[in-house]
Protein backbone atom coordinates (compact mmCIF):
# COMPACT_ATOMS: atom_id res chain seq x y z
CA MET A 1 71.00 -18.50 -36.46
CA TRP A 2 69.64 -22.04 -37.06
CA ASP A 3 72.25 -22.88 -34.73
CA THR A 4 70.89 -21.39 -31.89
CA ILE A 5 67.59 -22.78 -32.45
CA LEU A 6 68.58 -26.18 -33.11
CA ALA A 7 70.64 -26.31 -29.72
CA THR A 8 68.08 -24.91 -28.10
CA ILE A 9 65.78 -27.85 -28.75
CA ILE A 10 68.80 -30.63 -28.23
CA SER A 11 69.29 -28.54 -24.45
CA GLU A 12 65.19 -28.82 -24.08
CA PHE A 13 65.07 -32.49 -24.59
CA SER A 14 68.63 -33.63 -23.07
CA ASP A 15 66.71 -35.69 -19.61
CA LEU A 16 63.86 -37.44 -18.47
CA ASP A 17 61.85 -34.42 -17.32
CA ASP A 18 61.94 -32.73 -20.58
CA ILE A 19 60.93 -35.46 -22.77
CA GLU A 20 57.96 -36.87 -20.83
CA SER A 21 57.12 -32.85 -20.63
CA ALA A 22 57.44 -32.38 -24.17
CA THR A 23 55.35 -35.73 -24.31
CA ARG A 24 52.12 -34.46 -22.21
CA VAL A 25 52.39 -31.07 -23.87
CA THR A 26 52.02 -32.42 -27.75
CA MET A 27 49.41 -35.29 -26.50
CA ARG A 28 47.42 -32.02 -25.08
CA LEU A 29 47.15 -30.24 -28.02
CA LEU A 30 46.37 -33.42 -29.93
CA ILE A 31 43.48 -33.80 -27.84
CA ALA A 32 42.59 -30.95 -28.17
CA ALA A 33 42.92 -30.79 -32.16
CA PHE A 34 41.14 -33.87 -31.88
CA LEU A 35 38.08 -32.84 -30.40
CA GLY A 36 37.48 -29.59 -31.22
CA GLY A 37 37.60 -31.45 -34.90
CA LEU A 38 34.75 -34.02 -33.83
CA LEU A 39 32.52 -31.07 -33.46
CA GLY A 40 33.77 -29.17 -36.42
CA TYR A 41 32.92 -32.57 -38.84
CA GLU A 42 29.49 -32.87 -37.57
CA ARG A 43 28.72 -29.13 -38.42
CA GLU A 44 30.38 -29.93 -41.96
CA GLN A 45 28.21 -32.40 -42.24
CA GLN A 46 25.59 -29.71 -41.80
CA GLY A 47 26.83 -27.66 -44.02
CA LYS A 48 27.59 -24.90 -42.13
CA ALA A 49 30.54 -22.94 -43.06
CA ALA A 50 32.68 -23.00 -39.93
CA GLY A 51 33.59 -26.84 -40.09
CA ILE A 52 36.24 -28.83 -39.43
CA ARG A 53 39.46 -26.92 -39.59
CA THR A 54 37.94 -23.58 -37.93
CA HIS A 55 37.47 -25.59 -35.07
CA MET A 56 40.16 -27.90 -34.77
CA MET A 57 41.99 -24.49 -35.33
CA VAL A 58 40.16 -22.82 -32.30
CA GLY A 59 40.65 -25.74 -29.78
CA LEU A 60 44.19 -26.00 -31.12
CA GLY A 61 45.19 -22.58 -29.94
CA ALA A 62 43.03 -22.32 -26.82
CA ALA A 63 45.15 -25.52 -25.37
CA LEU A 64 47.98 -23.60 -27.07
CA PHE A 65 47.71 -20.11 -25.55
CA VAL A 66 46.84 -21.97 -21.51
CA VAL A 67 50.19 -24.69 -22.49
CA ALA A 68 52.12 -21.97 -23.09
CA SER A 69 51.57 -19.97 -20.04
CA LEU A 70 51.30 -22.96 -17.84
CA GLN A 71 55.07 -23.58 -19.70
CA ASP A 72 55.94 -19.81 -18.26
CA GLY A 73 54.97 -20.53 -15.00
CA ALA A 74 51.51 -18.65 -15.02
CA MET A 75 50.29 -18.59 -11.63
CA ASP A 76 46.04 -18.99 -11.38
CA ASP A 77 45.48 -14.82 -11.72
CA ALA A 78 47.77 -14.62 -14.54
CA MET A 79 45.67 -17.86 -15.96
CA SER A 80 42.56 -15.91 -15.47
CA ARG A 81 43.62 -12.80 -17.71
CA VAL A 82 44.68 -15.96 -20.66
CA ILE A 83 41.19 -17.60 -20.34
CA GLN A 84 39.71 -14.09 -19.93
CA GLY A 85 41.59 -13.14 -22.89
CA ILE A 86 40.35 -16.30 -24.74
CA VAL A 87 36.86 -16.32 -24.35
CA ALA A 88 37.17 -12.14 -25.32
CA GLY A 89 39.01 -12.91 -28.44
CA VAL A 90 36.60 -16.42 -29.72
CA GLY A 91 33.41 -14.19 -28.63
CA PHE A 92 34.68 -11.96 -31.86
CA LEU A 93 34.79 -14.79 -34.05
CA GLY A 94 31.72 -16.04 -32.96
CA ALA A 95 29.77 -12.61 -33.39
CA GLY A 96 31.45 -12.68 -36.92
CA THR A 97 29.32 -16.38 -37.87
CA ILE A 98 26.17 -14.61 -36.95
CA ILE A 99 23.75 -12.86 -39.79
CA LYS A 100 20.82 -11.38 -38.68
CA THR A 101 18.21 -10.39 -41.27
CA GLU A 102 15.32 -7.94 -41.35
CA SER A 103 13.32 -10.27 -40.03
CA LEU A 104 13.40 -10.33 -35.90
CA MET A 105 13.15 -14.04 -35.87
CA ASP A 106 15.89 -14.73 -38.26
CA VAL A 107 19.17 -15.26 -37.12
CA LYS A 108 21.28 -17.18 -38.13
CA GLY A 109 24.94 -18.72 -36.70
CA LEU A 110 24.41 -18.55 -33.21
CA THR A 111 24.87 -22.39 -32.62
CA THR A 112 28.00 -21.76 -34.68
CA ALA A 113 29.23 -19.61 -32.71
CA ALA A 114 28.36 -21.08 -29.79
CA GLY A 115 29.80 -24.19 -31.36
CA ILE A 116 33.24 -22.43 -31.70
CA TRP A 117 32.90 -20.79 -28.23
CA PHE A 118 32.55 -24.26 -26.65
CA THR A 119 35.49 -25.41 -28.99
CA ALA A 120 37.75 -23.38 -27.11
CA ALA A 121 36.42 -23.93 -24.04
CA ILE A 122 37.72 -27.83 -24.80
CA GLY A 123 40.85 -26.61 -25.73
CA VAL A 124 41.32 -24.65 -21.93
CA ALA A 125 39.90 -27.86 -20.26
CA VAL A 126 42.51 -29.95 -22.62
CA GLY A 127 45.01 -27.59 -22.37
CA LEU A 128 45.19 -27.13 -17.90
CA GLY A 129 45.27 -30.93 -18.39
CA HIS A 130 41.28 -31.84 -17.48
CA GLU A 131 41.08 -34.09 -20.83
CA MET A 132 38.52 -36.74 -19.26
CA THR A 133 36.01 -33.60 -18.96
CA ALA A 134 36.90 -32.48 -22.33
CA MET A 135 35.99 -35.40 -23.75
CA VAL A 136 32.62 -36.06 -22.44
CA SER A 137 32.01 -32.09 -22.83
CA THR A 138 32.73 -32.99 -26.17
CA LEU A 139 30.05 -36.11 -26.32
CA ILE A 140 27.64 -34.10 -24.63
CA ALA A 141 28.19 -31.26 -27.43
CA LEU A 142 27.46 -34.33 -29.70
CA VAL A 143 24.56 -35.81 -28.17
CA ILE A 144 22.89 -31.92 -28.64
CA LEU A 145 24.03 -30.93 -31.71
CA HIS A 146 23.28 -34.37 -33.85
CA LEU A 147 20.83 -35.98 -31.80
CA LEU A 148 18.36 -33.49 -29.85
CA PRO A 149 17.02 -31.86 -33.47
CA LEU A 150 16.39 -35.69 -34.63
CA MET A 151 14.14 -35.62 -31.64
CA MET A 152 13.30 -32.12 -32.22
CA ARG A 153 12.02 -33.56 -35.52
CA ARG A 154 10.13 -36.95 -35.09
CA GLU A 155 8.45 -34.66 -32.08
CA GLU A 156 7.06 -32.17 -34.70
CA GLU A 157 6.54 -35.39 -37.34
CA ARG A 158 3.64 -36.35 -34.33
CA GLY A 159 1.95 -32.69 -34.28
CA PRO A 160 0.02 -31.64 -31.61
């Protein structure tokens, strides 16, 4: 069994095209995990339960679904279904982070759920080969998560 697996791996890397493809796939997966990790690190610094590992796994998982589908020759209609599945699946994961208390106005975990959902979108973008879009989006998200609350606090301190 191991001989067959090893022979398959070796045959996949037998010519330059496969090495280039493997490098491209590896870089996409690493970038997706890294960008997810940046968002997760910010959330972990804020004391949130869904931190660096969760965000890295969501970004990496979303990218892997997309990359594997592309490698298998998925066309636009199939890729659309893959992305729909990711969005729906991550929606369930995010829903698990939302806690509603007795008060209608006291809901916790919405930003965490949105962050997990957004991390999946980053993974999808990277998996499709849109690394720069994913990087810019990650920077925008970090501004929203980190700088916007600081600006809002300063505004509250000033008063009416």
